[in-house]
Amino acid sequence: MGNWMIACAQIVKPVYDLLRQNLASQKFLQGDETPYQVLQEPGKLATSKSYIWLARTIGRAQHQIVLYHYADSRAGKVAQQLYSGFTGVLQCDGYYGYNAIADSVEHVGCWAHVRRKFYDDANIDKKHFNASKGLTLIGQMMHEEQKWRKWDSVARYQARQKYLKPLLDEFWQWCDMADVLPKTRLGKAIAYAQGQRTALNRVLLYGEVDFTNNASERNMKSYVIGRKNWLFSTSPQGAEANAIWMSIVESAKANKTNPREYIEFLLKNVSQLSKQEIENKLEAYLPWNYNSSSIKQVEA
């Protein structure tokens, strides 16, 4: 059955590759990565870590793409490979591996990652939650962001200049003045935020970009939940097939398409396409083009 999944993944791989090409043409993307285990990876122990990388469109994109990419490491060279051809704005956490694409990609930070570290500090004593001023200010910023979450990008940009920027300025002023030991949880939270200051402040520049990277975090959570069931891949080929299938499923869901029906449609029809048809007509098989009329047209 595992071999069937790998073989069928090769049938739909042209769709996966086209989704990846479409990602590169976007102006804004979000990204994340998580550890993964591959038992029979050449040159590595079965207990060593491999990684699943995620790249996705922002929520305001016309068409939604969620793409998983298997790699044997978390090195910056993987980021270069995954985001090859992309020259826009990438929202992600502060992992240094993304610095490898800094020359061609502008990095916007994620305030959810910053908040998490301040929250952990406030929750040291489980019986007494003690929020720092930094955590309180981040909470106020997130509360404001909720008000204009569904506004168009221009309106959200303007609201951020008027209401968010003063809170940001106050937050950074507090971070600069805080008398905190650097090795405490609060000290580490402040250091992390200050290290990401430029990237975090870029949220003011683009109304299209969300305040957090939570959309990609939710997609990665879907993968992590699945990983609890399948645990690992035996081979790199299996890991790659896993990434392909998860990309097809999550992209279908993001475009409000039934994943089961969509997969059946792809297996039935893409397998019948000639090489020339794959090069010229594959756009019709992308998840946002999948509907009853397209099925009739393809099957006619």
Protein backbone atom coordinates (compact mmCIF):
# COMPACT_ATOMS: atom_id res chain seq x y z
CA MET A 1 0.00 0.00 0.00
CA GLY A 2 2.89 2.34 0.72
CA ASN A 3 4.28 1.71 -2.76
CA TRP A 4 0.85 2.44 -4.25
CA MET A 5 0.83 5.82 -2.52
CA ILE A 6 4.30 6.61 -3.85
CA ALA A 7 3.35 5.55 -7.39
CA CYS A 8 0.10 7.54 -7.35
CA ALA A 9 1.94 10.59 -6.01
CA GLN A 10 3.97 10.60 -9.23
CA ILE A 11 0.72 10.81 -11.20
CA VAL A 12 -0.35 14.01 -9.46
CA LYS A 13 3.17 15.45 -9.10
CA PRO A 14 2.74 17.68 -12.21
CA VAL A 15 -0.10 19.42 -10.33
CA TYR A 16 2.13 19.75 -7.26
CA ASP A 17 4.92 21.24 -9.42
CA LEU A 18 2.48 23.72 -10.97
CA LEU A 19 1.29 24.78 -7.53
CA ARG A 20 4.92 25.43 -6.66
CA GLN A 21 5.40 27.54 -9.80
CA ASN A 22 2.33 29.57 -8.88
CA LEU A 23 3.78 30.20 -5.43
CA ALA A 24 6.92 31.71 -6.92
CA SER A 25 4.83 34.27 -8.82
CA GLN A 26 3.14 35.60 -5.66
CA LYS A 27 4.11 38.87 -4.02
CA PHE A 28 3.43 37.67 -0.46
CA LEU A 29 4.00 34.26 1.14
CA GLN A 30 4.12 32.67 4.57
CA GLY A 31 6.48 29.89 5.66
CA ASP A 32 7.26 27.41 8.43
CA GLU A 33 9.08 24.10 9.01
CA THR A 34 8.86 21.10 11.37
CA PRO A 35 11.03 18.03 12.12
CA TYR A 36 10.27 14.74 10.39
CA GLN A 37 11.79 11.26 10.64
CA VAL A 38 12.90 9.19 7.65
CA LEU A 39 14.24 5.76 8.61
CA GLN A 40 16.31 4.88 5.55
CA GLU A 41 17.84 8.19 4.54
CA PRO A 42 21.26 7.79 2.86
CA GLY A 43 24.14 8.77 5.14
CA LYS A 44 21.95 9.39 8.19
CA LEU A 45 20.88 7.40 11.23
CA ALA A 46 17.24 6.32 11.47
CA THR A 47 16.88 8.50 14.58
CA SER A 48 18.19 11.66 12.89
CA LYS A 49 15.96 14.57 11.96
CA SER A 50 14.72 15.47 8.53
CA TYR A 51 12.27 18.32 7.90
CA ILE A 52 9.01 19.22 6.26
CA TRP A 53 8.97 22.81 5.05
CA LEU A 54 5.77 24.71 4.36
CA ALA A 55 5.15 27.60 1.99
CA ARG A 56 1.70 29.06 1.46
CA THR A 57 -0.14 32.03 0.00
CA ILE A 58 -1.49 34.71 2.31
CA GLY A 59 -5.17 34.62 3.21
CA ARG A 60 -5.93 37.53 0.87
CA ALA A 61 -4.51 35.81 -2.21
CA GLN A 62 -6.99 35.20 -5.01
CA HIS A 63 -6.16 31.49 -5.03
CA GLN A 64 -4.99 29.53 -2.01
CA ILE A 65 -1.91 27.29 -2.22
CA VAL A 66 -0.53 25.20 0.65
CA LEU A 67 2.69 23.45 -0.31
CA TYR A 68 4.74 21.02 1.81
CA HIS A 69 8.33 20.25 0.86
CA TYR A 70 10.45 17.40 2.23
CA ALA A 71 14.17 18.01 2.86
CA ASP A 72 16.89 16.14 4.72
CA SER A 73 17.90 19.24 6.69
CA ARG A 74 16.85 22.63 8.01
CA ALA A 75 19.76 24.43 6.35
CA GLY A 76 19.45 27.70 4.49
CA LYS A 77 20.13 25.93 1.20
CA VAL A 78 16.69 24.32 1.51
CA ALA A 79 15.08 27.76 1.83
CA GLN A 80 16.98 28.80 -1.31
CA GLN A 81 15.63 25.77 -3.15
CA LEU A 82 12.04 26.08 -1.91
CA TYR A 83 11.77 29.82 -2.59
CA SER A 84 13.74 29.77 -5.85
CA GLY A 85 12.25 32.35 -8.21
CA PHE A 86 10.30 34.12 -5.46
CA THR A 87 11.23 37.78 -4.99
CA GLY A 88 8.44 39.09 -2.76
CA VAL A 89 7.68 39.37 0.95
CA LEU A 90 7.90 36.30 3.19
CA GLN A 91 6.32 36.18 6.64
CA CYS A 92 7.94 33.63 8.96
CA ASP A 93 9.54 33.25 12.37
CA GLY A 94 13.06 34.31 13.28
CA TYR A 95 14.83 31.11 12.25
CA TYR A 96 18.23 32.11 10.85
CA GLY A 97 17.98 29.64 7.92
CA TYR A 98 15.77 32.15 6.12
CA ASN A 99 18.69 34.58 6.05
CA ALA A 100 19.99 32.58 3.08
CA ILE A 101 17.30 34.19 0.90
CA ALA A 102 17.61 37.68 2.36
CA ASP A 103 19.07 39.10 -0.86
CA SER A 104 15.92 38.38 -2.88
CA VAL A 105 13.17 38.10 -0.25
CA GLU A 106 11.98 40.65 2.31
CA HIS A 107 11.29 39.15 5.73
CA VAL A 108 8.25 40.13 7.82
CA GLY A 109 8.18 38.80 11.37
CA CYS A 110 5.46 36.99 13.27
CA TRP A 111 4.10 38.59 16.42
CA ALA A 112 2.57 35.32 17.60
CA HIS A 113 6.07 33.89 18.05
CA VAL A 114 7.07 36.96 20.07
CA ARG A 115 3.93 36.77 22.21
CA ARG A 116 4.55 33.08 22.96
CA LYS A 117 7.84 33.85 24.69
CA PHE A 118 6.34 36.64 26.79
CA TYR A 119 3.39 34.38 27.64
CA ASP A 120 5.74 31.62 28.84
CA ASP A 121 7.39 34.14 31.16
CA ALA A 122 4.04 35.27 32.56
CA ASN A 123 3.01 31.66 33.15
CA ILE A 124 6.07 30.48 35.12
CA ASP A 125 3.95 30.21 38.24
CA LYS A 126 0.93 28.22 37.10
CA LYS A 127 -1.16 29.54 40.00
CA HIS A 128 -0.43 33.23 39.43
CA PHE A 129 -0.36 34.58 35.88
CA ASN A 130 1.91 37.64 35.89
CA ALA A 131 1.81 39.51 32.59
CA SER A 132 4.64 41.91 31.83
CA LYS A 133 3.93 45.26 30.21
CA GLY A 134 5.36 43.82 27.00
CA LEU A 135 2.79 41.02 26.95
CA THR A 136 0.01 43.49 27.75
CA LEU A 137 1.02 45.73 24.84
CA ILE A 138 1.17 42.78 22.44
CA GLY A 139 -2.32 41.81 23.62
CA GLN A 140 -3.55 45.33 22.88
CA MET A 141 -2.02 45.20 19.41
CA MET A 142 -3.69 41.88 18.66
CA HIS A 143 -7.00 43.23 19.93
CA GLU A 144 -6.72 46.19 17.57
CA GLU A 145 -5.77 43.90 14.67
CA GLN A 146 -9.00 41.93 15.14
CA LYS A 147 -11.03 45.07 14.43
CA TRP A 148 -9.71 45.45 10.90
CA ARG A 149 -8.98 41.80 10.12
CA LYS A 150 -11.53 41.72 7.27
CA TRP A 151 -10.86 45.21 5.94
CA ASP A 152 -9.23 45.64 2.54
CA SER A 153 -5.46 46.01 2.46
CA VAL A 154 -5.44 49.79 2.01
CA ALA A 155 -7.79 50.38 4.94
CA ARG A 156 -5.81 48.00 7.14
CA TYR A 157 -2.56 49.74 6.23
CA GLN A 158 -4.04 53.10 7.20
CA ALA A 159 -5.42 51.74 10.48
CA ARG A 160 -2.03 50.35 11.37
CA GLN A 161 -0.37 53.72 10.86
CA LYS A 162 -2.91 55.43 13.10
CA TYR A 163 -3.52 52.87 15.85
CA LEU A 164 -0.87 50.16 15.73
CA LYS A 165 2.28 52.24 15.31
CA PRO A 166 1.90 54.10 18.66
CA LEU A 167 1.56 50.76 20.46
CA LEU A 168 4.59 49.40 18.61
CA ASP A 169 6.65 52.45 19.57
CA GLU A 170 5.61 52.05 23.21
CA PHE A 171 6.49 48.35 23.13
CA TRP A 172 10.00 48.98 21.81
CA GLN A 173 10.56 51.82 24.25
CA TRP A 174 9.63 49.48 27.10
CA CYS A 175 11.94 46.75 25.75
CA ASP A 176 14.86 49.21 25.54
CA MET A 177 14.30 50.50 29.08
CA ALA A 178 13.40 47.22 30.85
CA ASP A 179 15.79 46.37 33.68
CA VAL A 180 15.75 42.58 33.32
CA LEU A 181 18.45 39.94 33.69
CA PRO A 182 19.26 38.59 30.21
CA LYS A 183 19.13 34.89 31.16
CA THR A 184 15.63 35.04 32.64
CA ARG A 185 12.62 34.05 30.53
CA LEU A 186 11.59 37.68 30.25
CA GLY A 187 15.12 38.72 29.33
CA LYS A 188 15.22 36.08 26.58
CA ALA A 189 11.79 37.14 25.33
CA ILE A 190 12.93 40.76 25.06
CA ALA A 191 16.17 39.73 23.33
CA TYR A 192 14.25 37.63 20.78
CA ALA A 193 11.89 40.52 20.04
CA GLN A 194 14.72 43.03 19.70
CA GLY A 195 16.61 40.69 17.40
CA GLN A 196 13.54 40.63 15.13
CA ARG A 197 12.70 44.33 15.43
CA THR A 198 13.21 45.28 11.79
CA ALA A 199 11.25 42.28 10.50
CA LEU A 200 8.46 42.75 13.05
CA ASN A 201 8.09 46.45 12.24
CA ARG A 202 7.57 45.63 8.56
CA VAL A 203 4.00 44.63 9.37
CA LEU A 204 3.36 48.39 9.19
CA LEU A 205 4.46 48.48 5.55
CA TYR A 206 2.02 46.00 4.04
CA GLY A 207 -1.71 45.92 4.64
CA GLU A 208 -1.81 42.59 2.81
CA VAL A 209 0.28 40.82 5.46
CA ASP A 210 -1.30 39.50 8.65
CA PHE A 211 -0.06 40.45 12.11
CA THR A 212 0.91 36.82 12.74
CA ASN A 213 2.01 33.78 10.78
CA ASN A 214 -0.82 31.70 12.27
CA ALA A 215 -2.23 30.62 8.90
CA SER A 216 0.89 28.60 8.11
CA GLU A 217 1.04 27.42 11.74
CA ARG A 218 -2.45 25.94 11.33
CA ASN A 219 -1.42 24.17 8.13
CA MET A 220 1.65 22.80 9.86
CA LYS A 221 -0.54 21.63 12.74
CA SER A 222 -2.49 19.52 10.25
CA TYR A 223 0.77 17.86 9.28
CA VAL A 224 1.84 17.36 12.89
CA ILE A 225 -1.50 15.73 13.73
CA GLY A 226 -1.06 13.41 10.76
CA ARG A 227 2.50 12.63 11.84
CA LYS A 228 1.18 11.29 15.13
CA ASN A 229 -0.59 8.60 13.10
CA TRP A 230 1.95 7.68 10.42
CA LEU A 231 4.94 8.44 12.73
CA PHE A 232 7.64 8.43 10.02
CA SER A 233 8.49 7.62 6.42
CA THR A 234 10.62 4.60 5.59
CA SER A 235 12.35 6.20 2.60
CA PRO A 236 12.95 9.64 1.08
CA GLN A 237 10.59 8.62 -1.74
CA GLY A 238 7.86 8.01 0.83
CA ALA A 239 8.52 11.36 2.52
CA GLU A 240 8.31 13.16 -0.82
CA ALA A 241 5.04 11.38 -1.66
CA ASN A 242 3.71 12.33 1.76
CA ALA A 243 4.49 16.02 1.09
CA ILE A 244 2.81 15.83 -2.33
CA TRP A 245 -0.40 14.28 -0.98
CA MET A 246 -0.61 16.68 1.95
CA SER A 247 -0.15 19.62 -0.46
CA ILE A 248 -2.98 18.36 -2.66
CA VAL A 249 -5.29 17.77 0.31
CA GLU A 250 -4.61 21.05 2.14
CA SER A 251 -4.72 23.14 -1.04
CA ALA A 252 -8.07 21.56 -1.92
CA LYS A 253 -9.43 22.35 1.55
CA ALA A 254 -8.12 25.92 1.38
CA ASN A 255 -10.07 26.41 -1.86
CA LYS A 256 -13.23 24.84 -0.40
CA THR A 257 -12.87 21.79 -2.63
CA ASN A 258 -13.70 18.29 -1.44
CA PRO A 259 -10.27 16.60 -1.17
CA ARG A 260 -11.51 13.06 -1.84
CA GLU A 261 -13.43 14.05 -4.96
CA TYR A 262 -10.53 16.19 -6.15
CA ILE A 263 -8.00 13.38 -5.71
CA GLU A 264 -10.26 10.94 -7.57
CA PHE A 265 -10.60 13.49 -10.36
CA LEU A 266 -6.82 13.95 -10.62
CA LEU A 267 -5.99 10.24 -10.58
CA LYS A 268 -8.60 9.52 -13.22
CA ASN A 269 -7.76 12.38 -15.58
CA VAL A 270 -4.15 13.52 -15.11
CA SER A 271 -2.98 9.95 -15.67
CA GLN A 272 -4.49 10.14 -19.18
CA LEU A 273 -2.77 13.36 -20.23
CA SER A 274 0.03 13.35 -22.75
CA LYS A 275 3.28 15.19 -21.99
CA GLN A 276 2.19 18.04 -24.25
CA GLU A 277 -1.21 18.29 -22.53
CA ILE A 278 0.50 18.40 -19.13
CA GLU A 279 2.60 21.33 -20.34
CA ASN A 280 -0.30 23.25 -21.91
CA LYS A 281 -3.55 22.30 -20.17
CA LEU A 282 -2.67 21.51 -16.56
CA GLU A 283 -3.96 24.85 -15.25
CA ALA A 284 -7.51 23.48 -15.50
CA TYR A 285 -6.60 20.81 -12.93
CA LEU A 286 -5.61 23.20 -10.14
CA PRO A 287 -7.90 23.09 -7.08
CA TRP A 288 -9.54 26.50 -7.60
CA ASN A 289 -10.53 25.45 -11.13
CA TYR A 290 -12.10 22.22 -9.92
CA ASN A 291 -15.91 22.30 -10.20
CA SER A 292 -18.70 20.37 -11.86
CA SER A 293 -18.39 22.26 -15.14
CA SER A 294 -14.63 21.64 -15.35
CA ILE A 295 -15.22 17.93 -14.76
CA LYS A 296 -17.73 17.84 -17.59
CA GLN A 297 -15.40 19.74 -19.86
CA VAL A 298 -12.42 17.48 -19.15
CA GLU A 299 -14.43 14.28 -19.35
CA ALA A 300 -16.26 15.33 -22.55
